[in-house]
Amino acid sequence: MVITRNCGSCHQEQLRTYLATYHGQVNTLGYAYTAKCFDCHGSHTIQLVNDPRSSVSGDNRLATCRKCHANATAGFLTFEPRGNANDITHYPYLWITAKFMTLLLVSVFAFF
């Protein structure tokens, strides 16, 4: 977590959303074998996402995912690794799903 927290010292919002994901939660629990910032973004060769040399650019993302998920298909890339359920502007489907699930949960508890 030390390196991840070092990245998060500048990229605070990205760290917050990473810690809310599966990879971040498993990492926080102490499992070392899970994706961290540098696994996807690199460490010394970090480029902007729109740079063709970036490991997370559109052309390279599937190969980056396949480093850990060998059978990943193109559909795998539709997953939002750091989706924010509170950000309707960038993640409208995630926001709607989160609100629906909250409403469903409250409704079930209210019914019973």
PDB file of N, CA and C in Angstrom:
ATOM      1  N   MET A   1       0.817  -1.205   0.000  1.00  0.00           N
ATOM      2  CA  MET A   1       0.000   0.000   0.000  1.00  0.00           C
ATOM      3  C   MET A   1       0.855   1.261   0.000  1.00  0.00           C
ATOM      4  N   VAL A   2       2.139   1.149   0.331  1.00  0.00           N
ATOM      5  CA  VAL A   2       2.984   2.340   0.422  1.00  0.00           C
ATOM      6  C   VAL A   2       3.070   3.048  -0.923  1.00  0.00           C
ATOM      7  N   ILE A   3       3.339   2.300  -1.974  1.00  0.00           N
ATOM      8  CA  ILE A   3       3.456   2.920  -3.294  1.00  0.00           C
ATOM      9  C   ILE A   3       2.105   3.478  -3.730  1.00  0.00           C
ATOM     10  N   THR A   4       1.036   2.732  -3.467  1.00  0.00           N
ATOM     11  CA  THR A   4      -0.304   3.203  -3.816  1.00  0.00           C
ATOM     12  C   THR A   4      -0.616   4.503  -3.078  1.00  0.00           C
ATOM     13  N   ARG A   5      -0.272   4.584  -1.823  1.00  0.00           N
ATOM     14  CA  ARG A   5      -0.506   5.818  -1.058  1.00  0.00           C
ATOM     15  C   ARG A   5       0.389   6.949  -1.576  1.00  0.00           C
ATOM     16  N   ASN A   6       1.598   6.626  -2.040  1.00  0.00           N
ATOM     17  CA  ASN A   6       2.459   7.657  -2.631  1.00  0.00           C
ATOM     18  C   ASN A   6       1.804   8.243  -3.874  1.00  0.00           C
ATOM     19  N   CYS A   7       1.238   7.393  -4.710  1.00  0.00           N
ATOM     20  CA  CYS A   7       0.519   7.883  -5.896  1.00  0.00           C
ATOM     21  C   CYS A   7      -0.657   8.743  -5.450  1.00  0.00           C
ATOM     22  N   GLY A   8      -1.351   8.282  -4.407  1.00  0.00           N
ATOM     23  CA  GLY A   8      -2.534   8.969  -3.914  1.00  0.00           C
ATOM     24  C   GLY A   8      -2.251  10.298  -3.255  1.00  0.00           C
ATOM     25  N   SER A   9      -0.996  10.565  -2.908  1.00  0.00           N
ATOM     26  CA  SER A   9      -0.692  11.863  -2.303  1.00  0.00           C
ATOM     27  C   SER A   9      -0.935  13.001  -3.295  1.00  0.00           C
ATOM     28  N   CYS A  10      -0.794  12.730  -4.584  1.00  0.00           N
ATOM     29  CA  CYS A  10      -1.112  13.731  -5.609  1.00  0.00           C
ATOM     30  C   CYS A  10      -2.465  13.450  -6.267  1.00  0.00           C
ATOM     31  N   HIS A  11      -2.776  12.174  -6.423  1.00  0.00           N
ATOM     32  CA  HIS A  11      -3.999  11.763  -7.114  1.00  0.00           C
ATOM     33  C   HIS A  11      -5.010  11.280  -6.072  1.00  0.00           C
ATOM     34  N   GLN A  12      -5.489  12.203  -5.258  1.00  0.00           N
ATOM     35  CA  GLN A  12      -6.339  11.857  -4.115  1.00  0.00           C
ATOM     36  C   GLN A  12      -7.683  11.278  -4.524  1.00  0.00           C
ATOM     37  N   GLU A  13      -8.316  11.835  -5.525  1.00  0.00           N
ATOM     38  CA  GLU A  13      -9.615  11.334  -5.966  1.00  0.00           C
ATOM     39  C   GLU A  13      -9.470   9.928  -6.558  1.00  0.00           C
ATOM     40  N   GLN A  14      -8.407   9.706  -7.331  1.00  0.00           N
ATOM     41  CA  GLN A  14      -8.167   8.382  -7.905  1.00  0.00           C
ATOM     42  C   GLN A  14      -7.892   7.357  -6.807  1.00  0.00           C
ATOM     43  N   LEU A  15      -7.154   7.749  -5.766  1.00  0.00           N
ATOM     44  CA  LEU A  15      -6.902   6.841  -4.646  1.00  0.00           C
ATOM     45  C   LEU A  15      -8.210   6.507  -3.937  1.00  0.00           C
ATOM     46  N   ARG A  16      -9.051   7.503  -3.721  1.00  0.00           N
ATOM     47  CA  ARG A  16     -10.322   7.271  -3.043  1.00  0.00           C
ATOM     48  C   ARG A  16     -11.182   6.284  -3.829  1.00  0.00           C
ATOM     49  N   THR A  17     -11.275   6.475  -5.139  1.00  0.00           N
ATOM     50  CA  THR A  17     -12.103   5.570  -5.930  1.00  0.00           C
ATOM     51  C   THR A  17     -11.445   4.193  -6.057  1.00  0.00           C
ATOM     52  N   TYR A  18     -10.111   4.137  -6.115  1.00  0.00           N
ATOM     53  CA  TYR A  18      -9.407   2.846  -6.156  1.00  0.00           C
ATOM     54  C   TYR A  18      -9.692   2.050  -4.886  1.00  0.00           C
ATOM     55  N   LEU A  19      -9.630   2.698  -3.740  1.00  0.00           N
ATOM     56  CA  LEU A  19      -9.854   2.007  -2.474  1.00  0.00           C
ATOM     57  C   LEU A  19     -11.278   1.473  -2.340  1.00  0.00           C
ATOM     58  N   ALA A  20     -12.210   2.009  -3.126  1.00  0.00           N
ATOM     59  CA  ALA A  20     -13.591   1.540  -3.100  1.00  0.00           C
ATOM     60  C   ALA A  20     -13.827   0.371  -4.057  1.00  0.00           C
ATOM     61  N   THR A  21     -12.854   0.051  -4.907  1.00  0.00           N
ATOM     62  CA  THR A  21     -13.010  -1.042  -5.867  1.00  0.00           C
ATOM     63  C   THR A  21     -12.624  -2.370  -5.235  1.00  0.00           C
ATOM     64  N   TYR A  22     -12.899  -3.439  -5.953  1.00  0.00           N
ATOM     65  CA  TYR A  22     -12.504  -4.775  -5.499  1.00  0.00           C
ATOM     66  C   TYR A  22     -11.002  -4.834  -5.247  1.00  0.00           C
ATOM     67  N   HIS A  23     -10.210  -4.380  -6.228  1.00  0.00           N
ATOM     68  CA  HIS A  23      -8.755  -4.440  -6.077  1.00  0.00           C
ATOM     69  C   HIS A  23      -8.295  -3.655  -4.852  1.00  0.00           C
ATOM     70  N   GLY A  24      -8.841  -2.475  -4.661  1.00  0.00           N
ATOM     71  CA  GLY A  24      -8.451  -1.645  -3.523  1.00  0.00           C
ATOM     72  C   GLY A  24      -8.849  -2.251  -2.193  1.00  0.00           C
ATOM     73  N   GLN A  25     -10.037  -2.839  -2.119  1.00  0.00           N
ATOM     74  CA  GLN A  25     -10.494  -3.439  -0.871  1.00  0.00           C
ATOM     75  C   GLN A  25      -9.665  -4.669  -0.514  1.00  0.00           C
ATOM     76  N   VAL A  26      -9.363  -5.493  -1.503  1.00  0.00           N
ATOM     77  CA  VAL A  26      -8.542  -6.675  -1.257  1.00  0.00           C
ATOM     78  C   VAL A  26      -7.134  -6.253  -0.838  1.00  0.00           C
ATOM     79  N   ASN A  27      -6.616  -5.221  -1.479  1.00  0.00           N
ATOM     80  CA  ASN A  27      -5.298  -4.695  -1.133  1.00  0.00           C
ATOM     81  C   ASN A  27      -5.281  -4.189   0.310  1.00  0.00           C
ATOM     82  N   THR A  28      -6.324  -3.470   0.701  1.00  0.00           N
ATOM     83  CA  THR A  28      -6.426  -2.936   2.055  1.00  0.00           C
ATOM     84  C   THR A  28      -6.482  -4.063   3.089  1.00  0.00           C
ATOM     85  N   LEU A  29      -7.086  -5.188   2.717  1.00  0.00           N
ATOM     86  CA  LEU A  29      -7.170  -6.335   3.625  1.00  0.00           C
ATOM     87  C   LEU A  29      -5.829  -7.055   3.781  1.00  0.00           C
ATOM     88  N   GLY A  30      -4.844  -6.679   2.971  1.00  0.00           N
ATOM     89  CA  GLY A  30      -3.510  -7.236   3.133  1.00  0.00           C
ATOM     90  C   GLY A  30      -3.074  -8.224   2.075  1.00  0.00           C
ATOM     91  N   TYR A  31      -3.901  -8.476   1.087  1.00  0.00           N
ATOM     92  CA  TYR A  31      -3.499  -9.383   0.017  1.00  0.00           C
ATOM     93  C   TYR A  31      -2.610  -8.622  -0.960  1.00  0.00           C
ATOM     94  N   ALA A  32      -1.388  -9.072  -1.094  1.00  0.00           N
ATOM     95  CA  ALA A  32      -0.425  -8.352  -1.924  1.00  0.00           C
ATOM     96  C   ALA A  32      -0.648  -8.610  -3.417  1.00  0.00           C
ATOM     97  N   TYR A  33      -1.224  -9.766  -3.751  1.00  0.00           N
ATOM     98  CA  TYR A  33      -1.378 -10.120  -5.161  1.00  0.00           C
ATOM     99  C   TYR A  33      -2.699  -9.588  -5.705  1.00  0.00           C
ATOM    100  N   THR A  34      -2.745  -8.299  -5.908  1.00  0.00           N
ATOM    101  CA  THR A  34      -3.894  -7.642  -6.528  1.00  0.00           C
ATOM    102  C   THR A  34      -3.391  -6.405  -7.262  1.00  0.00           C
ATOM    103  N   ALA A  35      -4.155  -5.921  -8.211  1.00  0.00           N
ATOM    104  CA  ALA A  35      -3.724  -4.783  -9.021  1.00  0.00           C
ATOM    105  C   ALA A  35      -3.567  -3.520  -8.177  1.00  0.00           C
ATOM    106  N   LYS A  36      -2.458  -2.868  -8.390  1.00  0.00           N
ATOM    107  CA  LYS A  36      -2.180  -1.577  -7.765  1.00  0.00           C
ATOM    108  C   LYS A  36      -1.937  -0.571  -8.881  1.00  0.00           C
ATOM    109  N   CYS A  37      -1.762   0.675  -8.545  1.00  0.00           N
ATOM    110  CA  CYS A  37      -1.614   1.744  -9.541  1.00  0.00           C
ATOM    111  C   CYS A  37      -0.619   1.376 -10.645  1.00  0.00           C
ATOM    112  N   PHE A  38       0.580   0.954 -10.231  1.00  0.00           N
ATOM    113  CA  PHE A  38       1.661   0.720 -11.187  1.00  0.00           C
ATOM    114  C   PHE A  38       1.416  -0.505 -12.061  1.00  0.00           C
ATOM    115  N   ASP A  39       0.551  -1.426 -11.638  1.00  0.00           N
ATOM    116  CA  ASP A  39       0.275  -2.604 -12.466  1.00  0.00           C
ATOM    117  C   ASP A  39      -0.412  -2.214 -13.770  1.00  0.00           C
ATOM    118  N   CYS A  40      -1.258  -1.221 -13.718  1.00  0.00           N
ATOM    119  CA  CYS A  40      -1.974  -0.780 -14.924  1.00  0.00           C
ATOM    120  C   CYS A  40      -1.303   0.421 -15.588  1.00  0.00           C
ATOM    121  N   HIS A  41      -0.843   1.358 -14.776  1.00  0.00           N
ATOM    122  CA  HIS A  41      -0.324   2.614 -15.313  1.00  0.00           C
ATOM    123  C   HIS A  41       1.179   2.623 -15.526  1.00  0.00           C
ATOM    124  N   GLY A  42       1.893   1.616 -15.022  1.00  0.00           N
ATOM    125  CA  GLY A  42       3.347   1.591 -15.102  1.00  0.00           C
ATOM    126  C   GLY A  42       3.941   2.334 -13.927  1.00  0.00           C
ATOM    127  N   SER A  43       5.249   2.345 -13.849  1.00  0.00           N
ATOM    128  CA  SER A  43       5.880   3.046 -12.735  1.00  0.00           C
ATOM    129  C   SER A  43       6.795   4.162 -13.211  1.00  0.00           C
ATOM    130  N   HIS A  44       7.707   3.851 -14.080  1.00  0.00           N
ATOM    131  CA  HIS A  44       8.639   4.886 -14.539  1.00  0.00           C
ATOM    132  C   HIS A  44       8.335   5.362 -15.954  1.00  0.00           C
ATOM    133  N   THR A  45       7.364   4.753 -16.589  1.00  0.00           N
ATOM    134  CA  THR A  45       7.030   5.106 -17.974  1.00  0.00           C
ATOM    135  C   THR A  45       5.588   5.590 -18.092  1.00  0.00           C
ATOM    136  N   ILE A  46       5.072   6.233 -17.082  1.00  0.00           N
ATOM    137  CA  ILE A  46       3.684   6.676 -17.066  1.00  0.00           C
ATOM    138  C   ILE A  46       3.469   7.749 -18.127  1.00  0.00           C
ATOM    139  N   GLN A  47       2.444   7.545 -18.932  1.00  0.00           N
ATOM    140  CA  GLN A  47       2.086   8.490 -19.986  1.00  0.00           C
ATOM    141  C   GLN A  47       0.621   8.881 -19.814  1.00  0.00           C
ATOM    142  N   LEU A  48       0.206   9.976 -20.425  1.00  0.00           N
ATOM    143  CA  LEU A  48      -1.199  10.363 -20.430  1.00  0.00           C
ATOM    144  C   LEU A  48      -2.005   9.292 -21.153  1.00  0.00           C
ATOM    145  N   VAL A  49      -3.251   9.131 -20.775  1.00  0.00           N
ATOM    146  CA  VAL A  49      -4.081   8.064 -21.332  1.00  0.00           C
ATOM    147  C   VAL A  49      -4.242   8.189 -22.849  1.00  0.00           C
ATOM    148  N   ASN A  50      -4.207   9.389 -23.394  1.00  0.00           N
ATOM    149  CA  ASN A  50      -4.362   9.558 -24.841  1.00  0.00           C
ATOM    150  C   ASN A  50      -3.043   9.426 -25.599  1.00  0.00           C
ATOM    151  N   ASP A  51      -1.936   9.183 -24.902  1.00  0.00           N
ATOM    152  CA  ASP A  51      -0.633   8.953 -25.535  1.00  0.00           C
ATOM    153  C   ASP A  51      -0.578   7.491 -25.985  1.00  0.00           C
ATOM    154  N   PRO A  52      -0.233   7.215 -27.234  1.00  0.00           N
ATOM    155  CA  PRO A  52      -0.192   5.828 -27.719  1.00  0.00           C
ATOM    156  C   PRO A  52       0.795   4.946 -26.954  1.00  0.00           C
ATOM    157  N   ARG A  53       1.763   5.551 -26.255  1.00  0.00           N
ATOM    158  CA  ARG A  53       2.729   4.771 -25.469  1.00  0.00           C
ATOM    159  C   ARG A  53       2.182   4.384 -24.097  1.00  0.00           C
ATOM    160  N   SER A  54       1.046   4.959 -23.711  1.00  0.00           N
ATOM    161  CA  SER A  54       0.461   4.682 -22.403  1.00  0.00           C
ATOM    162  C   SER A  54      -0.043   3.242 -22.334  1.00  0.00           C
ATOM    163  N   SER A  55       0.183   2.588 -21.192  1.00  0.00           N
ATOM    164  CA  SER A  55      -0.289   1.212 -21.026  1.00  0.00           C
ATOM    165  C   SER A  55      -1.809   1.144 -20.891  1.00  0.00           C
ATOM    166  N   VAL A  56      -2.453   2.273 -20.631  1.00  0.00           N
ATOM    167  CA  VAL A  56      -3.917   2.298 -20.517  1.00  0.00           C
ATOM    168  C   VAL A  56      -4.582   3.053 -21.669  1.00  0.00           C
ATOM    169  N   SER A  57      -3.831   3.320 -22.737  1.00  0.00           N
ATOM    170  CA  SER A  57      -4.446   3.934 -23.915  1.00  0.00           C
ATOM    171  C   SER A  57      -5.373   2.910 -24.555  1.00  0.00           C
ATOM    172  N   GLY A  58      -6.259   3.365 -25.391  1.00  0.00           N
ATOM    173  CA  GLY A  58      -7.235   2.475 -26.013  1.00  0.00           C
ATOM    174  C   GLY A  58      -6.628   1.269 -26.699  1.00  0.00           C
ATOM    175  N   ASP A  59      -5.516   1.449 -27.394  1.00  0.00           N
ATOM    176  CA  ASP A  59      -4.894   0.350 -28.132  1.00  0.00           C
ATOM    177  C   ASP A  59      -4.127  -0.619 -27.225  1.00  0.00           C
ATOM    178  N   ASN A  60      -3.713  -0.169 -26.052  1.00  0.00           N
ATOM    179  CA  ASN A  60      -2.877  -1.004 -25.179  1.00  0.00           C
ATOM    180  C   ASN A  60      -3.613  -1.570 -23.971  1.00  0.00           C
ATOM    181  N   ARG A  61      -4.800  -1.091 -23.715  1.00  0.00           N
ATOM    182  CA  ARG A  61      -5.504  -1.447 -22.480  1.00  0.00           C
ATOM    183  C   ARG A  61      -5.770  -2.943 -22.359  1.00  0.00           C
ATOM    184  N   LEU A  62      -6.203  -3.598 -23.426  1.00  0.00           N
ATOM    185  CA  LEU A  62      -6.508  -5.020 -23.346  1.00  0.00           C
ATOM    186  C   LEU A  62      -5.249  -5.824 -23.014  1.00  0.00           C
ATOM    187  N   ALA A  63      -4.138  -5.489 -23.627  1.00  0.00           N
ATOM    188  CA  ALA A  63      -2.881  -6.185 -23.316  1.00  0.00           C
ATOM    189  C   ALA A  63      -2.480  -5.953 -21.865  1.00  0.00           C
ATOM    190  N   THR A  64      -2.721  -4.760 -21.350  1.00  0.00           N
ATOM    191  CA  THR A  64      -2.415  -4.460 -19.952  1.00  0.00           C
ATOM    192  C   THR A  64      -3.284  -5.313 -19.037  1.00  0.00           C
ATOM    193  N   CYS A  65      -4.575  -5.405 -19.329  1.00  0.00           N
ATOM    194  CA  CYS A  65      -5.485  -6.218 -18.514  1.00  0.00           C
ATOM    195  C   CYS A  65      -5.097  -7.687 -18.573  1.00  0.00           C
ATOM    196  N   ARG A  66      -4.652  -8.130 -19.730  1.00  0.00           N
ATOM    197  CA  ARG A  66      -4.300  -9.545 -19.904  1.00  0.00           C
ATOM    198  C   ARG A  66      -3.043  -9.952 -19.135  1.00  0.00           C
ATOM    199  N   LYS A  67      -2.301  -9.000 -18.612  1.00  0.00           N
ATOM    200  CA  LYS A  67      -1.158  -9.366 -17.772  1.00  0.00           C
ATOM    201  C   LYS A  67      -1.632 -10.140 -16.547  1.00  0.00           C
ATOM    202  N   CYS A  68      -2.816  -9.820 -16.047  1.00  0.00           N
ATOM    203  CA  CYS A  68      -3.383 -10.530 -14.884  1.00  0.00           C
ATOM    204  C   CYS A  68      -4.587 -11.380 -15.268  1.00  0.00           C
ATOM    205  N   HIS A  69      -5.370 -10.924 -16.229  1.00  0.00           N
ATOM    206  CA  HIS A  69      -6.593 -11.608 -16.651  1.00  0.00           C
ATOM    207  C   HIS A  69      -6.356 -12.174 -18.050  1.00  0.00           C
ATOM    208  N   ALA A  70      -5.711 -13.323 -18.118  1.00  0.00           N
ATOM    209  CA  ALA A  70      -5.257 -13.898 -19.389  1.00  0.00           C
ATOM    210  C   ALA A  70      -6.370 -14.084 -20.410  1.00  0.00           C
ATOM    211  N   ASN A  71      -7.568 -14.373 -19.982  1.00  0.00           N
ATOM    212  CA  ASN A  71      -8.669 -14.647 -20.909  1.00  0.00           C
ATOM    213  C   ASN A  71      -9.559 -13.436 -21.169  1.00  0.00           C
ATOM    214  N   ALA A  72      -9.088 -12.259 -20.825  1.00  0.00           N
ATOM    215  CA  ALA A  72      -9.896 -11.045 -21.007  1.00  0.00           C
ATOM    216  C   ALA A  72     -10.201 -10.829 -22.487  1.00  0.00           C
ATOM    217  N   THR A  73     -11.461 -10.485 -22.751  1.00  0.00           N
ATOM    218  CA  THR A  73     -11.891 -10.198 -24.116  1.00  0.00           C
ATOM    219  C   THR A  73     -12.109  -8.696 -24.247  1.00  0.00           C
ATOM    220  N   ALA A  74     -12.480  -8.253 -25.429  1.00  0.00           N
ATOM    221  CA  ALA A  74     -12.728  -6.825 -25.650  1.00  0.00           C
ATOM    222  C   ALA A  74     -13.845  -6.312 -24.740  1.00  0.00           C
ATOM    223  N   GLY A  75     -14.814  -7.162 -24.410  1.00  0.00           N
ATOM    224  CA  GLY A  75     -15.894  -6.771 -23.512  1.00  0.00           C
ATOM    225  C   GLY A  75     -15.396  -6.444 -22.111  1.00  0.00           C
ATOM    226  N   PHE A  76     -14.269  -6.998 -21.752  1.00  0.00           N
ATOM    227  CA  PHE A  76     -13.656  -6.744 -20.449  1.00  0.00           C
ATOM    228  C   PHE A  76     -13.344  -5.262 -20.275  1.00  0.00           C
ATOM    229  N   LEU A  77     -13.075  -4.584 -21.368  1.00  0.00           N
ATOM    230  CA  LEU A  77     -12.693  -3.173 -21.330  1.00  0.00           C
ATOM    231  C   LEU A  77     -13.848  -2.239 -21.019  1.00  0.00           C
ATOM    232  N   THR A  78     -15.068  -2.742 -21.023  1.00  0.00           N
ATOM    233  CA  THR A  78     -16.204  -1.896 -20.685  1.00  0.00           C
ATOM    234  C   THR A  78     -16.311  -1.677 -19.178  1.00  0.00           C
ATOM    235  N   PHE A  79     -15.586  -2.473 -18.397  1.00  0.00           N
ATOM    236  CA  PHE A  79     -15.578  -2.329 -16.948  1.00  0.00           C
ATOM    237  C   PHE A  79     -14.885  -1.022 -16.565  1.00  0.00           C
ATOM    238  N   GLU A  80     -15.471  -0.290 -15.639  1.00  0.00           N
ATOM    239  CA  GLU A  80     -14.883   0.953 -15.141  1.00  0.00           C
ATOM    240  C   GLU A  80     -14.127   0.637 -13.846  1.00  0.00           C
ATOM    241  N   PRO A  81     -12.809   0.507 -13.897  1.00  0.00           N
ATOM    242  CA  PRO A  81     -12.067   0.085 -12.712  1.00  0.00           C
ATOM    243  C   PRO A  81     -12.144   1.062 -11.542  1.00  0.00           C
ATOM    244  N   ARG A  82     -12.366   2.322 -11.814  1.00  0.00           N
ATOM    245  CA  ARG A  82     -12.471   3.307 -10.728  1.00  0.00           C
ATOM    246  C   ARG A  82     -13.750   4.112 -10.870  1.00  0.00           C
ATOM    247  N   GLY A  83     -14.815   3.467 -11.315  1.00  0.00           N
ATOM    248  CA  GLY A  83     -16.088   4.158 -11.472  1.00  0.00           C
ATOM    249  C   GLY A  83     -16.556   4.766 -10.160  1.00  0.00           C
ATOM    250  N   ASN A  84     -17.143   5.937 -10.247  1.00  0.00           N
ATOM    251  CA  ASN A  84     -17.591   6.664  -9.067  1.00  0.00           C
ATOM    252  C   ASN A  84     -19.114   6.759  -9.111  1.00  0.00           C
ATOM    253  N   ALA A  85     -19.783   6.053  -8.202  1.00  0.00           N
ATOM    254  CA  ALA A  85     -21.248   6.016  -8.192  1.00  0.00           C
ATOM    255  C   ALA A  85     -21.868   7.355  -7.804  1.00  0.00           C
ATOM    256  N   ASN A  86     -21.061   8.311  -7.374  1.00  0.00           N
ATOM    257  CA  ASN A  86     -21.573   9.637  -7.022  1.00  0.00           C
ATOM    258  C   ASN A  86     -21.376  10.655  -8.140  1.00  0.00           C
ATOM    259  N   ASP A  87     -20.816  10.231  -9.260  1.00  0.00           N
ATOM    260  CA  ASP A  87     -20.505  11.129 -10.369  1.00  0.00           C
ATOM    261  C   ASP A  87     -21.420  10.827 -11.552  1.00  0.00           C
ATOM    262  N   ILE A  88     -22.568  11.494 -11.581  1.00  0.00           N
ATOM    263  CA  ILE A  88     -23.554  11.244 -12.645  1.00  0.00           C
ATOM    264  C   ILE A  88     -23.046  11.725 -14.004  1.00  0.00           C
ATOM    265  N   THR A  89     -22.177  12.710 -14.024  1.00  0.00           N
ATOM    266  CA  THR A  89     -21.678  13.260 -15.284  1.00  0.00           C
ATOM    267  C   THR A  89     -20.836  12.237 -16.043  1.00  0.00           C
ATOM    268  N   HIS A  90     -19.899  11.587 -15.368  1.00  0.00           N
ATOM    269  CA  HIS A  90     -18.987  10.657 -16.034  1.00  0.00           C
ATOM    270  C   HIS A  90     -19.463   9.202 -16.002  1.00  0.00           C
ATOM    271  N   TYR A  91     -20.283   8.852 -15.025  1.00  0.00           N
ATOM    272  CA  TYR A  91     -20.724   7.465 -14.862  1.00  0.00           C
ATOM    273  C   TYR A  91     -22.241   7.403 -14.652  1.00  0.00           C
ATOM    274  N   PRO A  92     -23.040   7.841 -15.636  1.00  0.00           N
ATOM    275  CA  PRO A  92     -24.493   7.900 -15.425  1.00  0.00           C
ATOM    276  C   PRO A  92     -25.126   6.535 -15.137  1.00  0.00           C
ATOM    277  N   TYR A  93     -24.685   5.474 -15.820  1.00  0.00           N
ATOM    278  CA  TYR A  93     -25.270   4.153 -15.597  1.00  0.00           C
ATOM    279  C   TYR A  93     -24.920   3.622 -14.208  1.00  0.00           C
ATOM    280  N   LEU A  94     -23.721   3.864 -13.783  1.00  0.00           N
ATOM    281  CA  LEU A  94     -23.312   3.447 -12.446  1.00  0.00           C
ATOM    282  C   LEU A  94     -24.092   4.221 -11.388  1.00  0.00           C
ATOM    283  N   TRP A  95     -24.289   5.515 -11.609  1.00  0.00           N
ATOM    284  CA  TRP A  95     -25.046   6.347 -10.673  1.00  0.00           C
ATOM    285  C   TRP A  95     -26.486   5.852 -10.565  1.00  0.00           C
ATOM    286  N   ILE A  96     -27.123   5.599 -11.714  1.00  0.00           N
ATOM    287  CA  ILE A  96     -28.510   5.116 -11.727  1.00  0.00           C
ATOM    288  C   ILE A  96     -28.610   3.759 -11.035  1.00  0.00           C
ATOM    289  N   THR A  97     -27.682   2.871 -11.328  1.00  0.00           N
ATOM    290  CA  THR A  97     -27.689   1.541 -10.706  1.00  0.00           C
ATOM    291  C   THR A  97     -27.531   1.643  -9.198  1.00  0.00           C
ATOM    292  N   ALA A  98     -26.618   2.488  -8.738  1.00  0.00           N
ATOM    293  CA  ALA A  98     -26.395   2.653  -7.294  1.00  0.00           C
ATOM    294  C   ALA A  98     -27.649   3.205  -6.615  1.00  0.00           C
ATOM    295  N   LYS A  99     -28.288   4.183  -7.229  1.00  0.00           N
ATOM    296  CA  LYS A  99     -29.510   4.755  -6.646  1.00  0.00           C
ATOM    297  C   LYS A  99     -30.625   3.717  -6.624  1.00  0.00           C
ATOM    298  N   PHE A 100     -30.749   2.947  -7.706  1.00  0.00           N
ATOM    299  CA  PHE A 100     -31.770   1.905  -7.760  1.00  0.00           C
ATOM    300  C   PHE A 100     -31.530   0.859  -6.675  1.00  0.00           C
ATOM    301  N   MET A 101     -30.286   0.418  -6.521  1.00  0.00           N
ATOM    302  CA  MET A 101     -29.970  -0.604  -5.515  1.00  0.00           C
ATOM    303  C   MET A 101     -30.229  -0.080  -4.103  1.00  0.00           C
ATOM    304  N   THR A 102     -29.937   1.172  -3.859  1.00  0.00           N
ATOM    305  CA  THR A 102     -30.222   1.769  -2.545  1.00  0.00           C
ATOM    306  C   THR A 102     -31.723   1.817  -2.304  1.00  0.00           C
ATOM    307  N   LEU A 103     -32.466   2.237  -3.317  1.00  0.00           N
ATOM    308  CA  LEU A 103     -33.924   2.274  -3.209  1.00  0.00           C
ATOM    309  C   LEU A 103     -34.489   0.874  -2.975  1.00  0.00           C
ATOM    310  N   LEU A 104     -33.980  -0.100  -3.690  1.00  0.00           N
ATOM    311  CA  LEU A 104     -34.416  -1.479  -3.528  1.00  0.00           C
ATOM    312  C   LEU A 104     -34.137  -1.978  -2.112  1.00  0.00           C
ATOM    313  N   LEU A 105     -32.952  -1.706  -1.603  1.00  0.00           N
ATOM    314  CA  LEU A 105     -32.590  -2.125  -0.251  1.00  0.00           C
ATOM    315  C   LEU A 105     -33.490  -1.481   0.795  1.00  0.00           C
ATOM    316  N   VAL A 106     -33.697  -0.191   0.675  1.00  0.00           N
ATOM    317  CA  VAL A 106     -34.566   0.526   1.622  1.00  0.00           C
ATOM    318  C   VAL A 106     -35.993  -0.005   1.527  1.00  0.00           C
ATOM    319  N   SER A 107     -36.461  -0.275   0.328  1.00  0.00           N
ATOM    320  CA  SER A 107     -37.815  -0.795   0.125  1.00  0.00           C
ATOM    321  C   SER A 107     -37.984  -2.162   0.778  1.00  0.00           C
ATOM    322  N   VAL A 108     -37.010  -3.027   0.617  1.00  0.00           N
ATOM    323  CA  VAL A 108     -37.088  -4.365   1.226  1.00  0.00           C
ATOM    324  C   VAL A 108     -37.126  -4.249   2.747  1.00  0.00           C
ATOM    325  N   PHE A 109     -36.258  -3.433   3.319  1.00  0.00           N
ATOM    326  CA  PHE A 109     -36.252  -3.262   4.771  1.00  0.00           C
ATOM    327  C   PHE A 109     -37.558  -2.640   5.256  1.00  0.00           C
ATOM    328  N   ALA A 110     -38.080  -1.687   4.503  1.00  0.00           N
ATOM    329  CA  ALA A 110     -39.343  -1.040   4.894  1.00  0.00           C
ATOM    330  C   ALA A 110     -40.503  -2.030   4.825  1.00  0.00           C
ATOM    331  N   PHE A 111     -40.490  -2.899   3.828  1.00  0.00           N
ATOM    332  CA  PHE A 111     -41.550  -3.882   3.674  1.00  0.00           C
ATOM    333  C   PHE A 111     -41.571  -4.876   4.829  1.00  0.00           C
ATOM    334  N   PHE A 112     -40.396  -5.330   5.216  1.00  0.00           N
ATOM    335  CA  PHE A 112     -40.319  -6.319   6.293  1.00  0.00           C
ATOM    336  C   PHE A 112     -40.264  -5.658   7.649  1.00  0.00           C
TER     337      PHE A 112
END
